[in-house]
Protein backbone atom coordinates (compact mmCIF):
# COMPACT_ATOMS: atom_id res chain seq x y z
CA MET A 1 -0.05 -0.18 0.08
CA GLU A 2 1.21 3.21 -0.90
CA LEU A 3 3.08 4.85 2.17
CA LEU A 4 2.66 8.73 2.92
CA GLU A 5 5.60 10.77 4.13
CA PHE A 6 4.42 11.09 7.88
CA GLU A 7 4.02 7.15 8.21
CA LYS A 8 7.51 5.86 7.12
CA PRO A 9 8.53 5.81 10.82
CA ILE A 10 5.65 3.02 11.24
CA ALA A 11 6.88 1.22 8.06
CA GLU A 12 10.55 1.44 9.38
CA LEU A 13 9.54 -0.35 12.61
CA GLN A 14 7.48 -3.17 10.75
CA LYS A 15 10.47 -3.93 8.56
CA GLU A 16 12.60 -4.21 11.81
CA LEU A 17 10.08 -6.38 13.31
CA GLU A 18 9.55 -8.48 10.58
CA ALA A 19 13.54 -8.97 10.03
CA LEU A 20 13.83 -10.03 13.75
CA LYS A 21 10.77 -12.57 13.59
CA LYS A 22 12.57 -14.10 10.29
CA LYS A 23 15.82 -14.23 12.23
CA SER A 24 14.48 -15.76 15.52
CA HIS A 25 12.77 -18.36 13.33
CA SER A 26 15.43 -19.11 10.80
CA GLN A 27 18.15 -19.33 13.35
CA ASN A 28 16.36 -20.54 16.08
CA ILE A 29 17.22 -17.68 18.35
CA ASP A 30 15.15 -16.54 21.32
CA LEU A 31 14.23 -12.84 20.68
CA SER A 32 11.17 -12.51 22.30
CA SER A 33 12.16 -9.68 24.41
CA GLU A 34 13.39 -7.60 21.39
CA ILE A 35 10.70 -8.54 19.48
CA SER A 36 8.41 -7.53 22.22
CA GLY A 37 10.11 -4.21 22.71
CA ILE A 38 9.60 -3.33 18.95
CA GLU A 39 5.94 -4.42 19.10
CA GLY A 40 5.31 -1.92 21.87
CA LYS A 41 7.48 0.74 20.29
CA LEU A 42 5.00 0.18 16.88
CA VAL A 43 2.16 0.40 18.95
CA ASP A 44 2.98 4.03 20.52
CA THR A 45 4.40 5.36 17.55
CA ARG A 46 1.32 4.48 15.43
CA ARG A 47 -1.05 5.90 18.38
CA HIS A 48 1.24 8.97 18.56
CA ILE A 49 1.38 9.60 14.52
CA TYR A 50 -2.56 8.97 14.26
CA GLU A 51 -3.74 10.74 16.99
CA ASN A 52 -2.05 13.71 16.20
CA LEU A 53 -2.67 14.49 12.49
CA SER A 54 -2.27 17.79 11.44
CA PRO A 55 -4.59 19.07 8.71
CA TRP A 56 -2.31 19.03 6.05
CA GLN A 57 -1.68 15.16 6.94
CA ARG A 58 -5.57 14.77 6.88
CA VAL A 59 -5.35 16.25 3.28
CA GLN A 60 -2.81 13.57 2.29
CA ILE A 61 -4.98 10.81 3.55
CA ALA A 62 -8.00 12.33 2.10
CA ARG A 63 -6.22 12.33 -1.25
CA HIS A 64 -4.87 8.54 -1.10
CA THR A 65 -5.50 6.73 -4.17
CA LYS A 66 -6.65 3.55 -2.22
CA ARG A 67 -9.08 5.62 -0.12
CA PRO A 68 -12.74 4.03 -0.86
CA PHE A 69 -14.77 6.42 -3.28
CA MET A 70 -18.32 6.97 -3.92
CA LEU A 71 -19.04 3.69 -5.62
CA ASP A 72 -17.23 1.68 -3.16
CA TYR A 73 -19.41 3.12 -0.22
CA ILE A 74 -22.38 2.29 -2.47
CA ALA A 75 -21.57 -1.34 -3.03
CA ARG A 76 -21.03 -1.80 0.85
CA ALA A 77 -23.27 0.57 2.65
CA PHE A 78 -26.38 0.48 -0.07
CA THR A 79 -28.14 -2.19 -1.69
CA ASP A 80 -30.59 -2.19 -4.93
CA PHE A 81 -28.26 0.57 -6.62
CA THR A 82 -30.00 1.52 -9.95
CA GLU A 83 -27.89 4.09 -11.83
CA LEU A 84 -29.74 6.73 -14.01
CA HIS A 85 -27.69 8.78 -16.80
CA GLY A 86 -28.00 12.00 -18.44
CA ASP A 87 -28.93 15.37 -17.72
CA ARG A 88 -31.51 15.83 -20.87
CA ILE A 89 -29.45 18.76 -22.10
CA ILE A 90 -26.05 17.92 -23.08
CA GLY A 91 -25.11 14.15 -22.18
CA ASP A 92 -24.05 12.10 -19.26
CA ASP A 93 -21.17 12.96 -16.84
CA ALA A 94 -19.18 9.67 -15.20
CA ALA A 95 -17.80 11.93 -12.69
CA MET A 96 -21.15 12.37 -10.99
CA PRO A 97 -22.98 9.05 -10.83
CA GLY A 98 -26.26 9.00 -9.28
CA GLY A 99 -29.58 6.78 -8.82
CA PHE A 100 -32.13 5.03 -6.73
CA ALA A 101 -30.70 2.80 -3.68
CA THR A 102 -31.76 1.48 -0.57
CA ILE A 103 -30.06 2.27 2.83
CA ASP A 104 -30.97 0.13 6.07
CA GLY A 105 -34.35 -0.69 4.36
CA GLN A 106 -35.15 3.27 3.43
CA ARG A 107 -35.38 3.67 -0.34
CA CYS A 108 -33.47 6.92 -1.44
CA VAL A 109 -31.92 9.13 -4.15
CA ILE A 110 -28.13 8.75 -4.08
CA LEU A 111 -25.55 10.91 -5.87
CA GLY A 112 -22.04 12.27 -5.67
CA HIS A 113 -18.44 12.66 -7.28
CA GLN A 114 -16.44 9.66 -8.62
CA LYS A 115 -12.73 9.31 -9.03
CA GLY A 116 -10.71 6.88 -10.64
CA ARG A 117 -8.13 4.55 -9.58
CA ASP A 118 -6.11 4.70 -12.62
CA LEU A 119 -5.28 6.97 -15.48
CA LYS A 120 -7.90 5.40 -17.90
CA GLU A 121 -10.44 5.37 -15.16
CA ASN A 122 -9.71 9.02 -14.06
CA LEU A 123 -10.05 10.27 -17.59
CA LYS A 124 -13.30 8.51 -17.70
CA ARG A 125 -14.41 10.26 -14.55
CA ASN A 126 -12.36 13.64 -15.25
CA PHE A 127 -10.34 12.94 -11.74
CA GLY A 128 -13.58 13.40 -9.67
CA SER A 129 -14.37 17.16 -11.28
CA ALA A 130 -18.03 17.33 -12.82
CA HIS A 131 -18.80 19.11 -15.99
CA PRO A 132 -22.01 21.23 -15.95
CA GLU A 133 -24.00 18.57 -17.18
CA GLY A 134 -22.91 16.63 -13.79
CA TYR A 135 -24.56 19.39 -11.99
CA ARG A 136 -27.60 19.27 -14.11
CA LYS A 137 -27.97 15.51 -13.86
CA ALA A 138 -27.72 15.75 -10.01
CA LEU A 139 -30.30 18.36 -9.83
CA ARG A 140 -32.70 16.46 -12.11
CA LEU A 141 -32.25 13.42 -9.87
CA MET A 142 -32.74 15.52 -6.83
CA GLU A 143 -36.12 16.71 -8.53
CA LEU A 144 -37.22 13.50 -9.04
CA ALA A 145 -36.66 12.28 -5.49
CA ASN A 146 -38.80 15.31 -4.26
CA LYS A 147 -41.62 14.11 -6.62
CA PHE A 148 -41.60 10.59 -5.18
CA SER A 149 -40.89 11.70 -1.33
CA LEU A 150 -37.53 10.13 -1.27
CA PRO A 151 -34.45 11.32 0.72
CA ILE A 152 -31.35 12.52 -0.72
CA ILE A 153 -27.74 11.42 -0.19
CA THR A 154 -24.80 13.21 -1.54
CA LEU A 155 -21.57 11.46 -1.44
CA ILE A 156 -18.87 14.49 -1.88
CA ASP A 157 -15.26 14.05 -3.19
CA THR A 158 -14.01 16.49 -5.53
CA PRO A 159 -10.84 18.79 -5.68
CA GLY A 160 -13.31 21.07 -7.50
CA ALA A 161 -15.70 21.32 -10.42
CA PHE A 162 -13.86 21.05 -13.92
CA PRO A 163 -12.58 24.65 -14.70
CA GLY A 164 -11.77 23.85 -18.52
CA ILE A 165 -13.10 26.24 -21.31
CA GLY A 166 -15.77 23.92 -22.15
CA ALA A 167 -17.19 23.82 -18.89
CA GLU A 168 -17.33 27.70 -18.73
CA GLU A 169 -19.09 27.50 -22.11
CA ARG A 170 -22.02 25.39 -21.00
CA ASN A 171 -22.02 27.74 -17.71
CA ILE A 172 -20.79 25.75 -14.94
CA ALA A 173 -21.30 28.68 -12.42
CA GLU A 174 -24.91 28.80 -13.52
CA ALA A 175 -25.46 25.22 -13.01
CA ILE A 176 -23.84 25.19 -9.51
CA ALA A 177 -25.71 28.46 -8.63
CA ARG A 178 -28.87 26.67 -9.70
CA ASN A 179 -28.31 23.77 -7.38
CA LEU A 180 -27.72 26.05 -4.29
CA ARG A 181 -30.98 27.65 -4.88
CA GLU A 182 -33.12 24.41 -5.95
CA MET A 183 -31.68 22.42 -2.68
CA MET A 184 -32.73 24.79 -0.40
CA VAL A 185 -36.34 24.38 -1.19
CA LEU A 186 -36.83 20.80 -1.67
CA ASN A 187 -39.39 19.03 0.40
CA VAL A 188 -37.56 16.03 1.36
CA PRO A 189 -34.52 15.14 3.67
CA ILE A 190 -31.05 15.88 2.27
CA ILE A 191 -27.87 14.25 4.04
CA ALA A 192 -24.14 15.35 2.49
CA VAL A 193 -21.18 13.52 3.51
CA VAL A 194 -17.85 14.54 2.42
CA LEU A 195 -15.78 11.24 1.97
CA GLY A 196 -12.52 12.78 0.87
CA GLU A 197 -11.93 16.05 -0.92
CA GLY A 198 -14.52 18.80 -0.72
CA GLY A 199 -13.22 21.34 -2.98
CA SER A 200 -14.84 24.79 -3.33
CA GLY A 201 -18.05 25.37 -5.31
CA GLY A 202 -17.80 21.80 -6.95
CA ALA A 203 -17.93 20.42 -3.49
CA LEU A 204 -21.07 22.87 -2.18
CA GLY A 205 -22.95 22.31 -5.74
CA ILE A 206 -24.37 19.07 -4.01
CA GLY A 207 -23.66 20.31 -0.56
CA VAL A 208 -26.79 22.45 0.66
CA ALA A 209 -28.34 19.90 2.94
CA ASP A 210 -30.09 19.12 6.40
CA ARG A 211 -27.15 17.33 7.66
CA VAL A 212 -23.43 17.97 6.45
CA LEU A 213 -21.36 15.16 7.73
CA MET A 214 -17.58 14.66 7.23
CA MET A 215 -15.41 11.46 7.18
CA GLU A 216 -12.82 11.99 9.70
CA ASN A 217 -9.98 12.56 7.40
CA ALA A 218 -11.67 14.34 4.65
CA TYR A 219 -11.44 18.05 4.42
CA TYR A 220 -14.04 20.87 3.12
CA SER A 221 -12.43 24.16 1.83
CA VAL A 222 -13.11 27.14 -0.49
CA ILE A 223 -9.65 26.42 -1.94
CA SER A 224 -7.15 23.65 -1.94
CA PRO A 225 -4.16 24.38 0.29
CA GLU A 226 -1.97 24.69 -2.65
CA GLY A 227 -4.11 27.22 -4.17
CA CYS A 228 -4.19 29.40 -0.95
CA ALA A 229 -0.49 29.07 -0.61
CA ALA A 230 -0.06 30.17 -4.11
CA ILE A 231 -2.00 33.24 -3.44
CA LEU A 232 -0.71 34.23 0.08
CA TRP A 233 2.72 33.11 0.07
CA LYS A 234 3.04 33.18 -3.54
CA HIS A 235 4.53 29.44 -3.41
CA ARG A 236 2.88 26.00 -3.32
CA LYS A 237 5.35 24.74 -0.56
CA HIS A 238 3.47 26.45 2.13
CA ALA A 239 0.49 24.45 1.62
CA PRO A 240 0.92 22.53 5.12
CA GLU A 241 0.59 26.17 6.67
CA ALA A 242 -2.27 27.10 4.42
CA ALA A 243 -4.48 23.90 5.78
CA ASP A 244 -3.51 24.81 9.15
CA ALA A 245 -4.64 28.42 8.78
CA MET A 246 -7.80 27.72 6.79
CA LYS A 247 -9.17 25.28 9.39
CA ILE A 248 -10.21 22.91 6.58
CA ALA A 249 -10.27 19.30 8.68
CA ALA A 250 -13.43 17.85 9.98
CA PRO A 251 -12.42 18.42 13.51
CA ASP A 252 -11.94 21.98 13.16
CA LEU A 253 -15.26 22.31 11.08
CA ALA A 254 -17.24 20.62 13.81
CA LYS A 255 -15.90 22.88 16.57
CA LEU A 256 -16.97 26.04 14.30
CA GLY A 257 -20.28 24.47 13.81
CA LEU A 258 -19.93 24.34 9.83
CA ILE A 259 -20.74 20.78 9.89
CA ASP A 260 -23.09 18.37 11.60
CA GLY A 261 -21.11 15.47 12.39
CA VAL A 262 -17.57 13.57 11.90
CA ILE A 263 -17.62 9.92 10.75
CA LYS A 264 -14.48 7.93 12.40
CA GLU A 265 -12.54 5.99 10.64
CA VAL A 266 -9.98 3.50 11.59
CA PRO A 267 -6.14 4.41 12.75
CA GLY A 268 -4.51 5.73 9.44
CA GLY A 269 -7.45 6.36 7.20
CA ALA A 270 -10.55 4.54 5.67
CA HIS A 271 -8.39 2.71 3.09
CA HIS A 272 -7.12 0.62 5.84
CA ASP A 273 -10.43 -0.67 6.55
CA PRO A 274 -13.11 -0.11 3.89
CA ASP A 275 -15.58 -2.25 5.37
CA ALA A 276 -15.35 -0.42 8.64
CA ALA A 277 -15.50 2.86 6.99
CA ALA A 278 -18.78 1.77 4.79
CA ASP A 279 -20.35 0.51 8.25
CA ALA A 280 -19.71 3.48 10.14
CA LEU A 281 -21.13 5.68 7.32
CA LYS A 282 -24.26 3.61 6.90
CA GLN A 283 -25.17 3.65 10.60
CA LYS A 284 -24.64 7.62 10.66
CA ILE A 285 -26.49 8.15 7.67
CA SER A 286 -29.32 6.01 8.99
CA GLY A 287 -29.57 7.40 12.28
CA GLU A 288 -29.97 11.04 10.63
CA LEU A 289 -32.11 9.82 8.29
CA LYS A 290 -34.48 8.41 11.16
CA GLU A 291 -34.57 11.79 12.85
CA LEU A 292 -34.96 14.10 9.60
CA LEU A 293 -37.81 11.78 8.32
CA LYS A 294 -39.93 12.52 11.34
CA LEU A 295 -40.24 16.50 10.33
CA SER A 296 -42.84 18.05 7.99
CA PRO A 297 -41.55 19.58 4.70
CA LYS A 298 -42.20 23.08 6.12
CA ASP A 299 -40.01 22.40 9.34
CA LEU A 300 -37.41 20.88 7.18
CA LYS A 301 -37.13 23.83 5.01
CA ALA A 302 -37.14 26.13 7.95
CA GLN A 303 -34.58 24.45 9.88
CA ARG A 304 -32.39 24.19 6.64
CA TYR A 305 -32.62 27.91 5.88
CA GLN A 306 -32.00 28.73 9.41
CA LYS A 307 -28.67 26.32 9.47
CA PHE A 308 -27.35 28.12 6.25
CA ARG A 309 -28.19 31.58 7.49
CA LYS A 310 -26.51 31.44 10.71
CA PHE A 311 -23.16 30.76 9.08
CA GLY A 312 -20.44 33.68 9.55
CA GLU A 313 -22.35 34.95 12.65
CA TRP A 314 -20.01 36.17 15.62
CA THR A 315 -19.97 38.06 18.58
CA GLU A 316 -17.51 40.64 19.80
CA GLY A 317 -16.14 40.26 23.40
């Protein structure tokens, strides 16, 4: 598995432990005390690293190529997924799959960003950066959910909406803006989960929800740390400082009240145990859905409106 820079001390200890075990077995030498010492040191090192992750280290985990993507979570946490295609204007966008599914017995509409694991799939999925037709397809599916009184679940994982000339020609800004407006007045519950990257308007275009949740090692930001560093420090090497200053990690956003919950991951990130991550996501979504489904459409919309209106409020001491 691909190692991140800050995980190298763990890998070195694991290598040393394996070498000791191999030597003990091949040469019939009792190295139990040495092995026990390395094992204890490995546990302490792993705990110290994973319990003290910086925002930039969480960004690196969020971008890990083995991290579960949207369709991985659908396969593990949902059943009866039926994908629907096309925006009925331009075409289909593979970066924004969606359709009907069932979670814990509740029928719903699910949609979100999908990345690829290799170059061929990334080209198909446009690296998780949706075009205007992706956001228009998303709105079409959400309106379908509204028509049939089905809750909506969106899974966010994008560095941002596609910024190319073609996207501008087909009016990406209008497509996202329309989604922001229309999601605010839908009559059904909406739950958004940031799985990995939550970049700018590309994330917010399917992120206006009654409950906004984040995986523990995801990030949600108006700009990437590299983009912020390039603007403020004139060099991308300051991305770690930018990530810390922007408060883009899930724990910080939860403290600021900008998200409604954090979904725990196993130490090291969801890619170390995708099944456990999917189970945690399923349990959290199911619990939130049960509460939201008790509300009338009028109360649902009123709470959603107040939720977003209060962002940016502060008091002077």
